[in-house]
Full PDB file with SEQRES, HELIX, SHEET, SSBOND, CRYST1, ORIGX, SCALE, CONECT and MASTER records, all heavy atoms in Angstrom:
SEQRES   1 A   43  GLY SER LEU ARG LEU SER CYS ALA ALA SER ARG SER ILE          
SEQRES   2 A   43  PHE SER PHE TYR ASP MET GLY TRP TYR ARG GLN ALA PRO          
SEQRES   3 A   43  GLY ARG GLN ARG GLU LEU VAL ALA ASP ILE THR GLY GLY          
SEQRES   4 A   43  GLY ALA THR THR                                              
HELIX    1 AA1 ILE A   13  SER A   15  5                                   3    
SHEET    1 AA1 2 ASP A  18  ARG A  23  0                                        
SHEET    2 AA1 2 GLU A  31  THR A  37 -1                                        
CRYST1    1.000    1.000    1.000  90.00  90.00  90.00 P 1           1          
ORIGX1      1.000000  0.000000  0.000000        0.00000                         
ORIGX2      0.000000  1.000000  0.000000        0.00000                         
ORIGX3      0.000000  0.000000  1.000000        0.00000                         
SCALE1      1.000000  0.000000  0.000000        0.00000                         
SCALE2      0.000000  1.000000  0.000000        0.00000                         
SCALE3      0.000000  0.000000  1.000000        0.00000                         
ATOM      1  N   GLY A   1      15.172 -24.716   5.117  1.00  0.00           N  
ATOM      2  CA  GLY A   1      15.973 -25.572   4.253  1.00  0.00           C  
ATOM      3  C   GLY A   1      17.229 -24.902   3.746  1.00  0.00           C  
ATOM      4  O   GLY A   1      17.543 -23.760   4.123  1.00  0.00           O  
ATOM      5  N   SER A   2      17.938 -25.625   2.890  1.00  0.00           N  
ATOM      6  CA  SER A   2      19.216 -25.149   2.362  1.00  0.00           C  
ATOM      7  C   SER A   2      19.262 -25.289   0.846  1.00  0.00           C  
ATOM      8  O   SER A   2      18.614 -26.172   0.271  1.00  0.00           O  
ATOM      9  CB  SER A   2      20.375 -25.954   2.956  1.00  0.00           C  
ATOM     10  OG  SER A   2      20.440 -25.805   4.361  1.00  0.00           O  
ATOM     11  N   LEU A   3      20.030 -24.403   0.238  1.00  0.00           N  
ATOM     12  CA  LEU A   3      20.353 -24.479  -1.184  1.00  0.00           C  
ATOM     13  C   LEU A   3      21.794 -24.030  -1.367  1.00  0.00           C  
ATOM     14  O   LEU A   3      22.299 -23.217  -0.579  1.00  0.00           O  
ATOM     15  CB  LEU A   3      19.441 -23.575  -2.016  1.00  0.00           C  
ATOM     16  CG  LEU A   3      18.024 -24.039  -2.338  1.00  0.00           C  
ATOM     17  CD1 LEU A   3      17.266 -22.936  -3.067  1.00  0.00           C  
ATOM     18  CD2 LEU A   3      18.029 -25.302  -3.168  1.00  0.00           C  
ATOM     19  N   ARG A   4      22.386 -24.538  -2.416  1.00  0.00           N  
ATOM     20  CA  ARG A   4      23.741 -24.104  -2.768  1.00  0.00           C  
ATOM     21  C   ARG A   4      23.722 -23.595  -4.198  1.00  0.00           C  
ATOM     22  O   ARG A   4      23.399 -24.342  -5.129  1.00  0.00           O  
ATOM     23  CB  ARG A   4      24.741 -25.239  -2.632  1.00  0.00           C  
ATOM     24  CG  ARG A   4      26.193 -24.813  -2.850  1.00  0.00           C  
ATOM     25  CD  ARG A   4      27.143 -25.982  -2.606  1.00  0.00           C  
ATOM     26  NE  ARG A   4      28.544 -25.624  -2.764  1.00  0.00           N  
ATOM     27  CZ  ARG A   4      29.301 -25.121  -1.797  1.00  0.00           C  
ATOM     28  NH1 ARG A   4      28.773 -24.933  -0.605  1.00  0.00           N  
ATOM     29  NH2 ARG A   4      30.574 -24.826  -2.018  1.00  0.00           N  
ATOM     30  N   LEU A   5      24.056 -22.327  -4.365  1.00  0.00           N  
ATOM     31  CA  LEU A   5      24.146 -21.725  -5.690  1.00  0.00           C  
ATOM     32  C   LEU A   5      25.591 -21.765  -6.157  1.00  0.00           C  
ATOM     33  O   LEU A   5      26.512 -21.540  -5.357  1.00  0.00           O  
ATOM     34  CB  LEU A   5      23.657 -20.284  -5.667  1.00  0.00           C  
ATOM     35  CG  LEU A   5      22.246 -20.029  -5.122  1.00  0.00           C  
ATOM     36  CD1 LEU A   5      21.911 -18.538  -5.232  1.00  0.00           C  
ATOM     37  CD2 LEU A   5      21.222 -20.880  -5.837  1.00  0.00           C  
ATOM     38  N   SER A   6      25.785 -22.021  -7.438  1.00  0.00           N  
ATOM     39  CA  SER A   6      27.118 -22.002  -8.022  1.00  0.00           C  
ATOM     40  C   SER A   6      27.163 -21.039  -9.200  1.00  0.00           C  
ATOM     41  O   SER A   6      26.165 -20.889  -9.916  1.00  0.00           O  
ATOM     42  CB  SER A   6      27.519 -23.407  -8.494  1.00  0.00           C  
ATOM     43  OG  SER A   6      27.683 -24.275  -7.395  1.00  0.00           O  
ATOM     44  N   CYS A   7      28.305 -20.425  -9.384  1.00  0.00           N  
ATOM     45  CA  CYS A   7      28.528 -19.502 -10.501  1.00  0.00           C  
ATOM     46  C   CYS A   7      29.789 -19.951 -11.213  1.00  0.00           C  
ATOM     47  O   CYS A   7      30.879 -19.904 -10.621  1.00  0.00           O  
ATOM     48  CB  CYS A   7      28.677 -18.084  -9.989  1.00  0.00           C  
ATOM     49  SG  CYS A   7      29.151 -16.887 -11.264  1.00  0.00           S  
ATOM     50  N   ALA A   8      29.626 -20.388 -12.456  1.00  0.00           N  
ATOM     51  CA  ALA A   8      30.760 -20.820 -13.255  1.00  0.00           C  
ATOM     52  C   ALA A   8      31.178 -19.696 -14.180  1.00  0.00           C  
ATOM     53  O   ALA A   8      30.364 -19.187 -14.966  1.00  0.00           O  
ATOM     54  CB  ALA A   8      30.372 -22.060 -14.065  1.00  0.00           C  
ATOM     55  N   ALA A   9      32.445 -19.322 -14.092  1.00  0.00           N  
ATOM     56  CA  ALA A   9      32.985 -18.233 -14.913  1.00  0.00           C  
ATOM     57  C   ALA A   9      33.757 -18.795 -16.101  1.00  0.00           C  
ATOM     58  O   ALA A   9      34.299 -19.897 -16.037  1.00  0.00           O  
ATOM     59  CB  ALA A   9      33.894 -17.342 -14.071  1.00  0.00           C  
ATOM     60  N   SER A  10      33.810 -17.981 -17.168  1.00  0.00           N  
ATOM     61  CA  SER A  10      34.494 -18.429 -18.385  1.00  0.00           C  
ATOM     62  C   SER A  10      36.001 -18.218 -18.306  1.00  0.00           C  
ATOM     63  O   SER A  10      36.722 -18.632 -19.219  1.00  0.00           O  
ATOM     64  CB  SER A  10      33.919 -17.705 -19.607  1.00  0.00           C  
ATOM     65  OG  SER A  10      34.045 -16.303 -19.461  1.00  0.00           O  
ATOM     66  N   ARG A  11      36.447 -17.564 -17.237  1.00  0.00           N  
ATOM     67  CA  ARG A  11      37.887 -17.438 -17.028  1.00  0.00           C  
ATOM     68  C   ARG A  11      38.165 -17.487 -15.530  1.00  0.00           C  
ATOM     69  O   ARG A  11      37.248 -17.448 -14.720  1.00  0.00           O  
ATOM     70  CB  ARG A  11      38.415 -16.140 -17.641  1.00  0.00           C  
ATOM     71  CG  ARG A  11      38.056 -14.876 -16.885  1.00  0.00           C  
ATOM     72  CD  ARG A  11      38.527 -13.642 -17.618  1.00  0.00           C  
ATOM     73  NE  ARG A  11      38.569 -12.468 -16.745  1.00  0.00           N  
ATOM     74  CZ  ARG A  11      38.507 -11.228 -17.170  1.00  0.00           C  
ATOM     75  NH1 ARG A  11      38.388 -10.973 -18.463  1.00  0.00           N  
ATOM     76  NH2 ARG A  11      38.569 -10.225 -16.319  1.00  0.00           N  
ATOM     77  N   SER A  12      39.414 -17.552 -15.173  1.00  0.00           N  
ATOM     78  CA  SER A  12      39.773 -17.696 -13.773  1.00  0.00           C  
ATOM     79  C   SER A  12      39.167 -16.580 -12.921  1.00  0.00           C  
ATOM     80  O   SER A  12      39.269 -15.393 -13.246  1.00  0.00           O  
ATOM     81  CB  SER A  12      41.289 -17.671 -13.609  1.00  0.00           C  
ATOM     82  OG  SER A  12      41.631 -17.628 -12.238  1.00  0.00           O  
ATOM     83  N   ILE A  13      38.546 -16.981 -11.818  1.00  0.00           N  
ATOM     84  CA  ILE A  13      37.948 -15.978 -10.934  1.00  0.00           C  
ATOM     85  C   ILE A  13      39.004 -15.144 -10.235  1.00  0.00           C  
ATOM     86  O   ILE A  13      38.709 -14.052  -9.739  1.00  0.00           O  
ATOM     87  CB  ILE A  13      37.020 -16.645  -9.897  1.00  0.00           C  
ATOM     88  CG1 ILE A  13      37.797 -17.611  -9.010  1.00  0.00           C  
ATOM     89  CG2 ILE A  13      35.857 -17.341 -10.588  1.00  0.00           C  
ATOM     90  CD1 ILE A  13      36.964 -18.244  -7.903  1.00  0.00           C  
ATOM     91  N   PHE A  14      40.224 -15.609 -10.228  1.00  0.00           N  
ATOM     92  CA  PHE A  14      41.296 -14.852  -9.593  1.00  0.00           C  
ATOM     93  C   PHE A  14      41.738 -13.678 -10.464  1.00  0.00           C  
ATOM     94  O   PHE A  14      42.536 -12.851 -10.022  1.00  0.00           O  
ATOM     95  CB  PHE A  14      42.472 -15.774  -9.280  1.00  0.00           C  
ATOM     96  CG  PHE A  14      42.126 -16.840  -8.284  1.00  0.00           C  
ATOM     97  CD1 PHE A  14      41.851 -18.136  -8.673  1.00  0.00           C  
ATOM     98  CD2 PHE A  14      42.028 -16.534  -6.927  1.00  0.00           C  
ATOM     99  CE1 PHE A  14      41.506 -19.109  -7.764  1.00  0.00           C  
ATOM    100  CE2 PHE A  14      41.684 -17.502  -6.005  1.00  0.00           C  
ATOM    101  CZ  PHE A  14      41.426 -18.798  -6.424  1.00  0.00           C  
ATOM    102  N   SER A  15      41.221 -13.602 -11.685  1.00  0.00           N  
ATOM    103  CA  SER A  15      41.514 -12.461 -12.552  1.00  0.00           C  
ATOM    104  C   SER A  15      40.624 -11.261 -12.225  1.00  0.00           C  
ATOM    105  O   SER A  15      40.874 -10.159 -12.714  1.00  0.00           O  
ATOM    106  CB  SER A  15      41.316 -12.849 -14.022  1.00  0.00           C  
ATOM    107  OG  SER A  15      39.942 -13.076 -14.303  1.00  0.00           O  
ATOM    108  N   PHE A  16      39.598 -11.483 -11.388  1.00  0.00           N  
ATOM    109  CA  PHE A  16      38.682 -10.402 -11.028  1.00  0.00           C  
ATOM    110  C   PHE A  16      39.092  -9.730  -9.722  1.00  0.00           C  
ATOM    111  O   PHE A  16      39.710 -10.342  -8.864  1.00  0.00           O  
ATOM    112  CB  PHE A  16      37.258 -10.941 -10.877  1.00  0.00           C  
ATOM    113  CG  PHE A  16      36.714 -11.577 -12.123  1.00  0.00           C  
ATOM    114  CD1 PHE A  16      36.442 -12.935 -12.147  1.00  0.00           C  
ATOM    115  CD2 PHE A  16      36.470 -10.820 -13.250  1.00  0.00           C  
ATOM    116  CE1 PHE A  16      35.938 -13.540 -13.290  1.00  0.00           C  
ATOM    117  CE2 PHE A  16      35.974 -11.415 -14.397  1.00  0.00           C  
ATOM    118  CZ  PHE A  16      35.718 -12.775 -14.420  1.00  0.00           C  
ATOM    119  N   TYR A  17      38.692  -8.494  -9.587  1.00  0.00           N  
ATOM    120  CA  TYR A  17      38.931  -7.785  -8.325  1.00  0.00           C  
ATOM    121  C   TYR A  17      38.097  -8.424  -7.218  1.00  0.00           C  
ATOM    122  O   TYR A  17      38.586  -8.657  -6.105  1.00  0.00           O  
ATOM    123  CB  TYR A  17      38.583  -6.312  -8.474  1.00  0.00           C  
ATOM    124  CG  TYR A  17      38.683  -5.546  -7.181  1.00  0.00           C  
ATOM    125  CD1 TYR A  17      39.919  -5.186  -6.670  1.00  0.00           C  
ATOM    126  CD2 TYR A  17      37.535  -5.203  -6.451  1.00  0.00           C  
ATOM    127  CE1 TYR A  17      40.024  -4.498  -5.468  1.00  0.00           C  
ATOM    128  CE2 TYR A  17      37.633  -4.515  -5.253  1.00  0.00           C  
ATOM    129  CZ  TYR A  17      38.877  -4.171  -4.778  1.00  0.00           C  
ATOM    130  OH  TYR A  17      38.972  -3.505  -3.589  1.00  0.00           O  
ATOM    131  N   ASP A  18      36.838  -8.679  -7.509  1.00  0.00           N  
ATOM    132  CA  ASP A  18      35.991  -9.398  -6.575  1.00  0.00           C  
ATOM    133  C   ASP A  18      34.810 -10.025  -7.314  1.00  0.00           C  
ATOM    134  O   ASP A  18      34.575  -9.744  -8.483  1.00  0.00           O  
ATOM    135  CB  ASP A  18      35.483  -8.499  -5.429  1.00  0.00           C  
ATOM    136  CG  ASP A  18      34.612  -7.340  -5.907  1.00  0.00           C  
ATOM    137  OD1 ASP A  18      34.271  -7.287  -7.100  1.00  0.00           O  
ATOM    138  OD2 ASP A  18      34.260  -6.486  -5.071  1.00  0.00           O  
ATOM    139  N   MET A  19      34.133 -10.911  -6.603  1.00  0.00           N  
ATOM    140  CA  MET A  19      32.928 -11.534  -7.134  1.00  0.00           C  
ATOM    141  C   MET A  19      31.872 -11.523  -6.044  1.00  0.00           C  
ATOM    142  O   MET A  19      32.188 -11.571  -4.853  1.00  0.00           O  
ATOM    143  CB  MET A  19      33.201 -12.963  -7.599  1.00  0.00           C  
ATOM    144  CG  MET A  19      34.120 -13.031  -8.800  1.00  0.00           C  
ATOM    145  SD  MET A  19      34.195 -14.675  -9.524  1.00  0.00           S  
ATOM    146  CE  MET A  19      32.546 -14.829 -10.252  1.00  0.00           C  
ATOM    147  N   GLY A  20      30.629 -11.458  -6.471  1.00  0.00           N  
ATOM    148  CA  GLY A  20      29.569 -11.396  -5.478  1.00  0.00           C  
ATOM    149  C   GLY A  20      28.282 -12.008  -5.955  1.00  0.00           C  
ATOM    150  O   GLY A  20      28.135 -12.356  -7.132  1.00  0.00           O  
ATOM    151  N   TRP A  21      27.378 -12.163  -5.019  1.00  0.00           N  
ATOM    152  CA  TRP A  21      26.019 -12.599  -5.284  1.00  0.00           C  
ATOM    153  C   TRP A  21      25.078 -11.459  -4.909  1.00  0.00           C  
ATOM    154  O   TRP A  21      25.167 -10.920  -3.798  1.00  0.00           O  
ATOM    155  CB  TRP A  21      25.677 -13.848  -4.479  1.00  0.00           C  
ATOM    156  CG  TRP A  21      26.322 -15.087  -4.985  1.00  0.00           C  
ATOM    157  CD1 TRP A  21      27.495 -15.641  -4.576  1.00  0.00           C  
ATOM    158  CD2 TRP A  21      25.831 -15.950  -6.007  1.00  0.00           C  
ATOM    159  NE1 TRP A  21      27.764 -16.777  -5.283  1.00  0.00           N  
ATOM    160  CE2 TRP A  21      26.755 -16.999  -6.160  1.00  0.00           C  
ATOM    161  CE3 TRP A  21      24.691 -15.949  -6.816  1.00  0.00           C  
ATOM    162  CZ2 TRP A  21      26.580 -18.031  -7.096  1.00  0.00           C  
ATOM    163  CZ3 TRP A  21      24.510 -16.970  -7.729  1.00  0.00           C  
ATOM    164  CH2 TRP A  21      25.446 -17.996  -7.867  1.00  0.00           C  
ATOM    165  N   TYR A  22      24.202 -11.130  -5.830  1.00  0.00           N  
ATOM    166  CA  TYR A  22      23.162 -10.140  -5.609  1.00  0.00           C  
ATOM    167  C   TYR A  22      21.812 -10.851  -5.711  1.00  0.00           C  
ATOM    168  O   TYR A  22      21.714 -11.945  -6.255  1.00  0.00           O  
ATOM    169  CB  TYR A  22      23.215  -9.041  -6.678  1.00  0.00           C  
ATOM    170  CG  TYR A  22      24.354  -8.082  -6.555  1.00  0.00           C  
ATOM    171  CD1 TYR A  22      25.670  -8.461  -6.825  1.00  0.00           C  
ATOM    172  CD2 TYR A  22      24.136  -6.740  -6.184  1.00  0.00           C  
ATOM    173  CE1 TYR A  22      26.717  -7.560  -6.719  1.00  0.00           C  
ATOM    174  CE2 TYR A  22      25.173  -5.834  -6.081  1.00  0.00           C  
ATOM    175  CZ  TYR A  22      26.460  -6.251  -6.357  1.00  0.00           C  
ATOM    176  OH  TYR A  22      27.492  -5.351  -6.253  1.00  0.00           O  
ATOM    177  N   ARG A  23      20.792 -10.204  -5.191  1.00  0.00           N  
ATOM    178  CA  ARG A  23      19.447 -10.736  -5.367  1.00  0.00           C  
ATOM    179  C   ARG A  23      18.463  -9.608  -5.594  1.00  0.00           C  
ATOM    180  O   ARG A  23      18.683  -8.473  -5.170  1.00  0.00           O  
ATOM    181  CB  ARG A  23      19.010 -11.576  -4.159  1.00  0.00           C  
ATOM    182  CG  ARG A  23      18.847 -10.799  -2.869  1.00  0.00           C  
ATOM    183  CD  ARG A  23      18.547 -11.760  -1.712  1.00  0.00           C  
ATOM    184  NE  ARG A  23      18.411 -11.055  -0.448  1.00  0.00           N  
ATOM    185  CZ  ARG A  23      18.301 -11.660   0.726  1.00  0.00           C  
ATOM    186  NH1 ARG A  23      18.326 -12.995   0.807  1.00  0.00           N  
ATOM    187  NH2 ARG A  23      18.173 -10.947   1.829  1.00  0.00           N  
ATOM    188  N   GLN A  24      17.386  -9.949  -6.276  1.00  0.00           N  
ATOM    189  CA  GLN A  24      16.335  -8.969  -6.539  1.00  0.00           C  
ATOM    190  C   GLN A  24      14.986  -9.644  -6.390  1.00  0.00           C  
ATOM    191  O   GLN A  24      14.673 -10.593  -7.116  1.00  0.00           O  
ATOM    192  CB  GLN A  24      16.470  -8.369  -7.931  1.00  0.00           C  
ATOM    193  CG  GLN A  24      15.502  -7.232  -8.189  1.00  0.00           C  
ATOM    194  CD  GLN A  24      15.873  -6.427  -9.424  1.00  0.00           C  
ATOM    195  OE1 GLN A  24      16.598  -6.892 -10.302  1.00  0.00           O  
ATOM    196  NE2 GLN A  24      15.390  -5.202  -9.492  1.00  0.00           N  
ATOM    197  N   ALA A  25      14.226  -9.158  -5.425  1.00  0.00           N  
ATOM    198  CA  ALA A  25      12.871  -9.638  -5.209  1.00  0.00           C  
ATOM    199  C   ALA A  25      11.898  -8.749  -5.979  1.00  0.00           C  
ATOM    200  O   ALA A  25      12.223  -7.592  -6.284  1.00  0.00           O  
ATOM    201  CB  ALA A  25      12.536  -9.625  -3.718  1.00  0.00           C  
ATOM    202  N   PRO A  26      10.711  -9.260  -6.298  1.00  0.00           N  
ATOM    203  CA  PRO A  26       9.738  -8.459  -7.046  1.00  0.00           C  
ATOM    204  C   PRO A  26       9.448  -7.130  -6.351  1.00  0.00           C  
ATOM    205  O   PRO A  26       9.195  -7.086  -5.140  1.00  0.00           O  
ATOM    206  CB  PRO A  26       8.498  -9.340  -7.066  1.00  0.00           C  
ATOM    207  CG  PRO A  26       9.031 -10.721  -6.964  1.00  0.00           C  
ATOM    208  CD  PRO A  26      10.230 -10.612  -6.058  1.00  0.00           C  
ATOM    209  N   GLY A  27       9.520  -6.040  -7.110  1.00  0.00           N  
ATOM    210  CA  GLY A  27       9.224  -4.724  -6.575  1.00  0.00           C  
ATOM    211  C   GLY A  27      10.313  -4.128  -5.713  1.00  0.00           C  
ATOM    212  O   GLY A  27      10.108  -3.057  -5.119  1.00  0.00           O  
ATOM    213  N   ARG A  28      11.470  -4.787  -5.645  1.00  0.00           N  
ATOM    214  CA  ARG A  28      12.553  -4.285  -4.808  1.00  0.00           C  
ATOM    215  C   ARG A  28      13.808  -4.075  -5.648  1.00  0.00           C  
ATOM    216  O   ARG A  28      13.963  -4.644  -6.725  1.00  0.00           O  
ATOM    217  CB  ARG A  28      12.834  -5.250  -3.655  1.00  0.00           C  
ATOM    218  CG  ARG A  28      11.608  -5.508  -2.785  1.00  0.00           C  
ATOM    219  CD  ARG A  28      11.968  -6.242  -1.527  1.00  0.00           C  
ATOM    220  NE  ARG A  28      12.807  -5.411  -0.655  1.00  0.00           N  
ATOM    221  CZ  ARG A  28      13.193  -5.783   0.551  1.00  0.00           C  
ATOM    222  NH1 ARG A  28      12.834  -6.980   1.024  1.00  0.00           N  
ATOM    223  NH2 ARG A  28      13.939  -5.001   1.292  1.00  0.00           N  
ATOM    224  N   GLN A  29      14.709  -3.271  -5.121  1.00  0.00           N  
ATOM    225  CA  GLN A  29      15.966  -3.025  -5.803  1.00  0.00           C  
ATOM    226  C   GLN A  29      16.903  -4.215  -5.627  1.00  0.00           C  
ATOM    227  O   GLN A  29      16.819  -4.951  -4.633  1.00  0.00           O  
ATOM    228  CB  GLN A  29      16.631  -1.756  -5.253  1.00  0.00           C  
ATOM    229  CG  GLN A  29      15.933  -0.473  -5.654  1.00  0.00           C  
ATOM    230  CD  GLN A  29      16.750   0.752  -5.302  1.00  0.00           C  
ATOM    231  OE1 GLN A  29      17.513   0.749  -4.339  1.00  0.00           O  
ATOM    232  NE2 GLN A  29      16.607   1.811  -6.080  1.00  0.00           N  
ATOM    233  N   ARG A  30      17.782  -4.385  -6.588  1.00  0.00           N  
ATOM    234  CA  ARG A  30      18.790  -5.426  -6.462  1.00  0.00           C  
ATOM    235  C   ARG A  30      19.731  -5.062  -5.323  1.00  0.00           C  
ATOM    236  O   ARG A  30      20.156  -3.912  -5.204  1.00  0.00           O  
ATOM    237  CB  ARG A  30      19.567  -5.554  -7.778  1.00  0.00           C  
ATOM    238  CG  ARG A  30      20.473  -6.761  -7.868  1.00  0.00           C  
ATOM    239  CD  ARG A  30      21.076  -6.902  -9.254  1.00  0.00           C  
ATOM    240  NE  ARG A  30      20.064  -7.151 -10.270  1.00  0.00           N  
ATOM    241  CZ  ARG A  30      20.360  -7.494 -11.524  1.00  0.00           C  
ATOM    242  NH1 ARG A  30      21.626  -7.630 -11.902  1.00  0.00           N  
ATOM    243  NH2 ARG A  30      19.393  -7.701 -12.402  1.00  0.00           N  
ATOM    244  N   GLU A  31      20.053  -6.058  -4.489  1.00  0.00           N  
ATOM    245  CA  GLU A  31      20.939  -5.800  -3.361  1.00  0.00           C  
ATOM    246  C   GLU A  31      22.085  -6.809  -3.342  1.00  0.00           C  
ATOM    247  O   GLU A  31      21.940  -7.955  -3.764  1.00  0.00           O  
ATOM    248  CB  GLU A  31      20.163  -5.887  -2.032  1.00  0.00           C  
ATOM    249  CG  GLU A  31      19.649  -7.269  -1.667  1.00  0.00           C  
ATOM    250  CD  GLU A  31      19.122  -7.359  -0.242  1.00  0.00           C  
ATOM    251  OE1 GLU A  31      19.309  -6.414   0.556  1.00  0.00           O  
ATOM    252  OE2 GLU A  31      18.516  -8.404   0.089  1.00  0.00           O  
ATOM    253  N   LEU A  32      23.213  -6.340  -2.814  1.00  0.00           N  
ATOM    254  CA  LEU A  32      24.365  -7.207  -2.636  1.00  0.00           C  
ATOM    255  C   LEU A  32      24.107  -8.131  -1.454  1.00  0.00           C  
ATOM    256  O   LEU A  32      23.792  -7.667  -0.363  1.00  0.00           O  
ATOM    257  CB  LEU A  32      25.632  -6.392  -2.406  1.00  0.00           C  
ATOM    258  CG  LEU A  32      26.902  -7.185  -2.110  1.00  0.00           C  
ATOM    259  CD1 LEU A  32      27.293  -8.052  -3.295  1.00  0.00           C  
ATOM    260  CD2 LEU A  32      28.032  -6.238  -1.727  1.00  0.00           C  
ATOM    261  N   VAL A  33      24.250  -9.416  -1.669  1.00  0.00           N  
ATOM    262  CA  VAL A  33      24.058 -10.407  -0.609  1.00  0.00           C  
ATOM    263  C   VAL A  33      25.388 -10.788   0.024  1.00  0.00           C  
ATOM    264  O   VAL A  33      25.527 -10.811   1.243  1.00  0.00           O  
ATOM    265  CB  VAL A  33      23.359 -11.664  -1.166  1.00  0.00           C  
ATOM    266  CG1 VAL A  33      23.249 -12.739  -0.080  1.00  0.00           C  
ATOM    267  CG2 VAL A  33      21.993 -11.315  -1.733  1.00  0.00           C  
ATOM    268  N   ALA A  34      26.368 -11.101  -0.812  1.00  0.00           N  
ATOM    269  CA  ALA A  34      27.672 -11.527  -0.321  1.00  0.00           C  
ATOM    270  C   ALA A  34      28.720 -11.231  -1.374  1.00  0.00           C  
ATOM    271  O   ALA A  34      28.427 -11.251  -2.573  1.00  0.00           O  
ATOM    272  CB  ALA A  34      27.668 -13.017   0.009  1.00  0.00           C  
ATOM    273  N   ASP A  35      29.932 -10.985  -0.912  1.00  0.00           N  
ATOM    274  CA  ASP A  35      31.023 -10.621  -1.805  1.00  0.00           C  
ATOM    275  C   ASP A  35      32.306 -11.262  -1.304  1.00  0.00           C  
ATOM    276  O   ASP A  35      32.491 -11.434  -0.096  1.00  0.00           O  
ATOM    277  CB  ASP A  35      31.166  -9.092  -1.823  1.00  0.00           C  
ATOM    278  CG  ASP A  35      32.289  -8.623  -2.717  1.00  0.00           C  
ATOM    279  OD1 ASP A  35      32.045  -8.520  -3.937  1.00  0.00           O  
ATOM    280  OD2 ASP A  35      33.395  -8.373  -2.210  1.00  0.00           O  
ATOM    281  N   ILE A  36      33.178 -11.636  -2.264  1.00  0.00           N  
ATOM    282  CA  ILE A  36      34.488 -12.154  -1.886  1.00  0.00           C  
ATOM    283  C   ILE A  36      35.530 -11.502  -2.773  1.00  0.00           C  
ATOM    284  O   ILE A  36      35.393 -11.458  -4.000  1.00  0.00           O  
ATOM    285  CB  ILE A  36      34.531 -13.703  -1.985  1.00  0.00           C  
ATOM    286  CG1 ILE A  36      35.862 -14.243  -1.486  1.00  0.00           C  
ATOM    287  CG2 ILE A  36      34.218 -14.186  -3.393  1.00  0.00           C  
ATOM    288  CD1 ILE A  36      35.847 -15.746  -1.221  1.00  0.00           C  
ATOM    289  N   THR A  37      36.573 -10.948  -2.162  1.00  0.00           N  
ATOM    290  CA  THR A  37      37.611 -10.275  -2.913  1.00  0.00           C  
ATOM    291  C   THR A  37      38.653 -11.283  -3.404  1.00  0.00           C  
ATOM    292  O   THR A  37      38.672 -12.443  -2.989  1.00  0.00           O  
ATOM    293  CB  THR A  37      38.311  -9.218  -2.061  1.00  0.00           C  
ATOM    294  OG1 THR A  37      39.083  -9.893  -1.040  1.00  0.00           O  
ATOM    295  CG2 THR A  37      37.316  -8.268  -1.428  1.00  0.00           C  
ATOM    296  N   GLY A  38      39.552 -10.793  -4.238  1.00  0.00           N  
ATOM    297  CA  GLY A  38      40.618 -11.656  -4.707  1.00  0.00           C  
ATOM    298  C   GLY A  38      41.494 -12.171  -3.577  1.00  0.00           C  
ATOM    299  O   GLY A  38      42.051 -13.265  -3.660  1.00  0.00           O  
ATOM    300  N   GLY A  39      41.576 -11.397  -2.508  1.00  0.00           N  
ATOM    301  CA  GLY A  39      42.362 -11.816  -1.347  1.00  0.00           C  
ATOM    302  C   GLY A  39      41.607 -12.728  -0.404  1.00  0.00           C  
ATOM    303  O   GLY A  39      42.175 -13.196   0.589  1.00  0.00           O  
ATOM    304  N   GLY A  40      40.331 -12.978  -0.705  1.00  0.00           N  
ATOM    305  CA  GLY A  40      39.553 -13.897   0.118  1.00  0.00           C  
ATOM    306  C   GLY A  40      38.707 -13.252   1.194  1.00  0.00           C  
ATOM    307  O   GLY A  40      38.004 -13.948   1.937  1.00  0.00           O  
ATOM    308  N   ALA A  41      38.724 -11.929   1.288  1.00  0.00           N  
ATOM    309  CA  ALA A  41      37.890 -11.259   2.283  1.00  0.00           C  
ATOM    310  C   ALA A  41      36.429 -11.319   1.860  1.00  0.00           C  
ATOM    311  O   ALA A  41      36.115 -11.161   0.678  1.00  0.00           O  
ATOM    312  CB  ALA A  41      38.328  -9.803   2.435  1.00  0.00           C  
ATOM    313  N   THR A  42      35.563 -11.554   2.824  1.00  0.00           N  
ATOM    314  CA  THR A  42      34.140 -11.699   2.521  1.00  0.00           C  
ATOM    315  C   THR A  42      33.312 -10.622   3.219  1.00  0.00           C  
ATOM    316  O   THR A  42      33.681 -10.121   4.289  1.00  0.00           O  
ATOM    317  CB  THR A  42      33.621 -13.077   2.944  1.00  0.00           C  
ATOM    318  OG1 THR A  42      33.875 -13.270   4.349  1.00  0.00           O  
ATOM    319  CG2 THR A  42      34.301 -14.179   2.154  1.00  0.00           C  
ATOM    320  N   THR A  43      32.203 -10.303   2.595  1.00  0.00           N  
ATOM    321  CA  THR A  43      31.251  -9.330   3.130  1.00  0.00           C  
ATOM    322  C   THR A  43      29.851  -9.879   2.934  1.00  0.00           C  
ATOM    323  O   THR A  43      29.575 -10.488   1.898  1.00  0.00           O  
ATOM    324  CB  THR A  43      31.368  -7.982   2.394  1.00  0.00           C  
ATOM    325  OG1 THR A  43      32.722  -7.516   2.473  1.00  0.00           O  
ATOM    326  CG2 THR A  43      30.449  -6.938   3.012  1.00  0.00           C  
TER     327      THR A  43                                                      
MASTER        0    0    0    1    2    0    0    6  326    1    0    4          
END                                                                             
């Protein structure tokens, strides 16, 4: 299946160097899932 997560910021996201989504499963370390820079590059 599919889900769409949204993150609403209290100020313009273009004021940040980058934004990302992390996840943490039980018993595991938090890991970076995806990242987007101010220039639009994604990882």
